[in-house]
C-alpha cells in the first residue's frame, strides 16, 4: 500500500532531468572501439557509406584517411605520436596497429592500458577525437 501512495517512483530508479550525454557516452574506450571496428567518422569509412565523400586524407596527403593512416602515418600528429613511440620502443613492443589498439593478447594488461592512455591523450591533444 505504501508503494502505491508513493506513486511510480521506486528506490532503484531515478528520472533524468537533463538532456546532456550520460557519462559513459563520453568514456575514452568509445574512441578505441570505433578505431578497432572501423565504425568511425574517418573519410575512408564515410566514403563507403556515401560515394560522394572523398576518401582522401583531409590533411592534403595522398593517402586514404583510414585508421592505419591516421594512427601510424598521419604527418600532422608526428610530434604527438613520439610519446607513444618511445613507450613502445622502451618496452620492446612493435609499433603497429594491433599493438596500438590493444588487440595483441601477448602484451601484458598493464602495458596495454598505458598504451591506451597515451593513445587517448594523443587523440585528444590533436582533436582527432572529433573525427573518430
Protein backbone atom coordinates (compact mmCIF):
# COMPACT_ATOMS: atom_id res chain seq x y z
CA UNK A 1 0.00 0.00 0.00
CA UNK A 2 2.82 2.45 0.80
CA UNK A 3 4.30 1.78 -2.64
CA UNK A 4 1.02 2.85 -4.25
CA UNK A 5 0.96 6.00 -2.15
CA UNK A 6 4.48 6.96 -3.27
CA UNK A 7 3.45 6.74 -6.89
CA UNK A 8 5.57 5.25 -9.65
CA UNK A 9 8.95 6.21 -8.18
CA UNK A 10 10.97 3.40 -6.67
CA UNK A 11 14.28 3.42 -4.86
CA UNK A 12 16.09 1.63 -7.67
CA UNK A 13 15.09 4.12 -10.39
CA UNK A 14 15.53 7.80 -10.97
CA UNK A 15 14.24 10.21 -13.53
CA UNK A 16 16.63 12.02 -15.78
CA UNK A 17 16.17 15.77 -15.61
CA UNK A 18 18.92 16.77 -18.07
CA UNK A 19 19.37 16.04 -21.75
CA UNK A 20 23.18 16.16 -21.86
CA UNK A 21 25.10 12.93 -22.63
CA UNK A 22 25.33 10.26 -19.97
CA UNK A 23 28.90 9.93 -18.67
CA UNK A 24 29.51 6.53 -20.24
CA UNK A 25 28.79 8.02 -23.67
CA UNK A 26 31.95 10.06 -23.22
CA UNK A 27 34.10 7.19 -21.95
CA UNK A 28 37.53 7.05 -23.56
CA UNK A 29 37.18 3.42 -24.68
CA UNK A 30 34.49 4.56 -27.14
CA UNK A 31 37.22 6.02 -29.35
CA UNK A 32 39.29 2.84 -29.21
CA UNK A 33 36.21 0.76 -30.06
CA UNK A 34 35.45 2.96 -33.06
CA UNK A 35 39.01 2.59 -34.31
CA UNK A 36 39.01 -1.18 -33.73
CA UNK A 37 35.73 -1.79 -35.55
CA UNK A 38 36.17 0.75 -38.33
CA UNK A 39 32.83 2.35 -37.46
CA UNK A 40 34.19 5.87 -37.22
CA UNK A 41 33.93 9.19 -38.99
CA UNK A 42 37.20 8.95 -40.88
CA UNK A 43 36.75 9.83 -44.55
CA UNK A 44 37.55 6.35 -45.89
CA UNK A 45 34.71 4.90 -43.82
CA UNK A 46 32.31 7.70 -44.73
CA UNK A 47 33.11 7.15 -48.42
CA UNK A 48 31.98 3.52 -48.13
CA UNK A 49 28.58 4.75 -46.94
CA UNK A 50 28.27 7.79 -49.21
CA UNK A 51 30.07 7.65 -52.55
CA UNK A 52 30.07 11.45 -52.78
CA UNK A 53 32.59 11.71 -49.92
CA UNK A 54 36.22 11.87 -51.00
CA UNK A 55 38.14 9.18 -49.01
CA UNK A 56 41.47 11.03 -49.27
CA UNK A 57 43.11 12.45 -46.15
CA UNK A 58 41.82 15.84 -45.07
CA UNK A 59 45.41 16.97 -44.47
CA UNK A 60 46.16 17.03 -48.23
CA UNK A 61 48.12 13.83 -48.07
CA UNK A 62 47.86 11.36 -50.91
CA UNK A 63 46.52 8.54 -48.74
CA UNK A 64 43.07 7.34 -47.87
CA UNK A 65 42.04 8.53 -44.41
CA UNK A 66 41.91 5.12 -42.69
CA UNK A 67 42.63 4.04 -39.14
CA UNK A 68 46.10 2.85 -40.14
CA UNK A 69 46.87 6.14 -41.86
CA UNK A 70 45.67 8.33 -39.00
CA UNK A 71 47.38 6.37 -36.21
CA UNK A 72 50.64 5.39 -37.91
CA UNK A 73 51.32 7.64 -40.90
CA UNK A 74 49.45 10.94 -40.44
CA UNK A 75 52.20 13.58 -40.58
CA UNK A 76 50.15 16.24 -38.77
CA UNK A 77 50.42 14.37 -35.46
CA UNK A 78 54.04 13.20 -35.76
CA UNK A 79 55.15 15.15 -32.67
CA UNK A 80 52.24 13.96 -30.53
CA UNK A 81 52.98 10.34 -31.52
CA UNK A 82 56.53 10.48 -30.16
CA UNK A 83 55.47 9.69 -26.59
CA UNK A 84 53.64 6.56 -27.74
CA UNK A 85 56.57 5.58 -29.97
CA UNK A 86 59.09 5.98 -27.18
CA UNK A 87 56.93 3.91 -24.79
CA UNK A 88 56.63 1.13 -27.36
CA UNK A 89 60.35 1.21 -28.11
CA UNK A 90 61.33 1.22 -24.42
CA UNK A 91 59.13 -1.82 -23.77
CA UNK A 92 60.27 -3.65 -26.94
CA UNK A 93 56.78 -3.57 -28.43
CA UNK A 94 56.42 -3.41 -32.20
CA UNK A 95 54.84 -0.21 -33.47
CA UNK A 96 51.77 -1.47 -35.36
CA UNK A 97 48.01 -1.06 -35.34
CA UNK A 98 47.33 -4.31 -33.45
CA UNK A 99 49.51 -3.22 -30.54
CA UNK A 100 48.21 0.36 -30.52
CA UNK A 101 44.58 -0.75 -30.31
CA UNK A 102 45.20 -3.35 -27.59
CA UNK A 103 44.44 -6.35 -29.79
CA UNK A 104 47.69 -8.21 -29.09
CA UNK A 105 46.89 -10.56 -26.21
CA UNK A 106 50.59 -11.34 -25.69
CA UNK A 107 51.15 -7.85 -24.25
CA UNK A 108 50.56 -7.60 -20.51
CA UNK A 109 47.34 -5.86 -19.49
CA UNK A 110 49.08 -3.02 -17.64
CA UNK A 111 51.13 -2.18 -20.72
CA UNK A 112 48.00 -2.29 -22.88
CA UNK A 113 46.28 0.14 -20.50
CA UNK A 114 49.25 2.51 -20.66
CA UNK A 115 49.29 2.38 -24.47
CA UNK A 116 45.55 3.11 -24.49
CA UNK A 117 46.03 6.04 -22.10
CA UNK A 118 48.79 7.51 -24.28
CA UNK A 119 46.76 7.00 -27.44
CA UNK A 120 43.67 8.68 -26.00
CA UNK A 121 45.77 11.62 -24.82
CA UNK A 122 47.29 11.96 -28.29
CA UNK A 123 43.85 11.84 -29.93
CA UNK A 124 42.51 14.48 -27.56
CA UNK A 125 45.53 16.80 -27.91
CA UNK A 126 45.30 16.69 -31.69
CA UNK A 127 41.49 16.97 -31.69
CA UNK A 128 41.25 13.73 -33.70
CA UNK A 129 38.57 12.58 -31.27
CA UNK A 130 36.28 14.95 -33.13
CA UNK A 131 36.55 12.90 -36.32
CA UNK A 132 36.70 9.39 -34.85
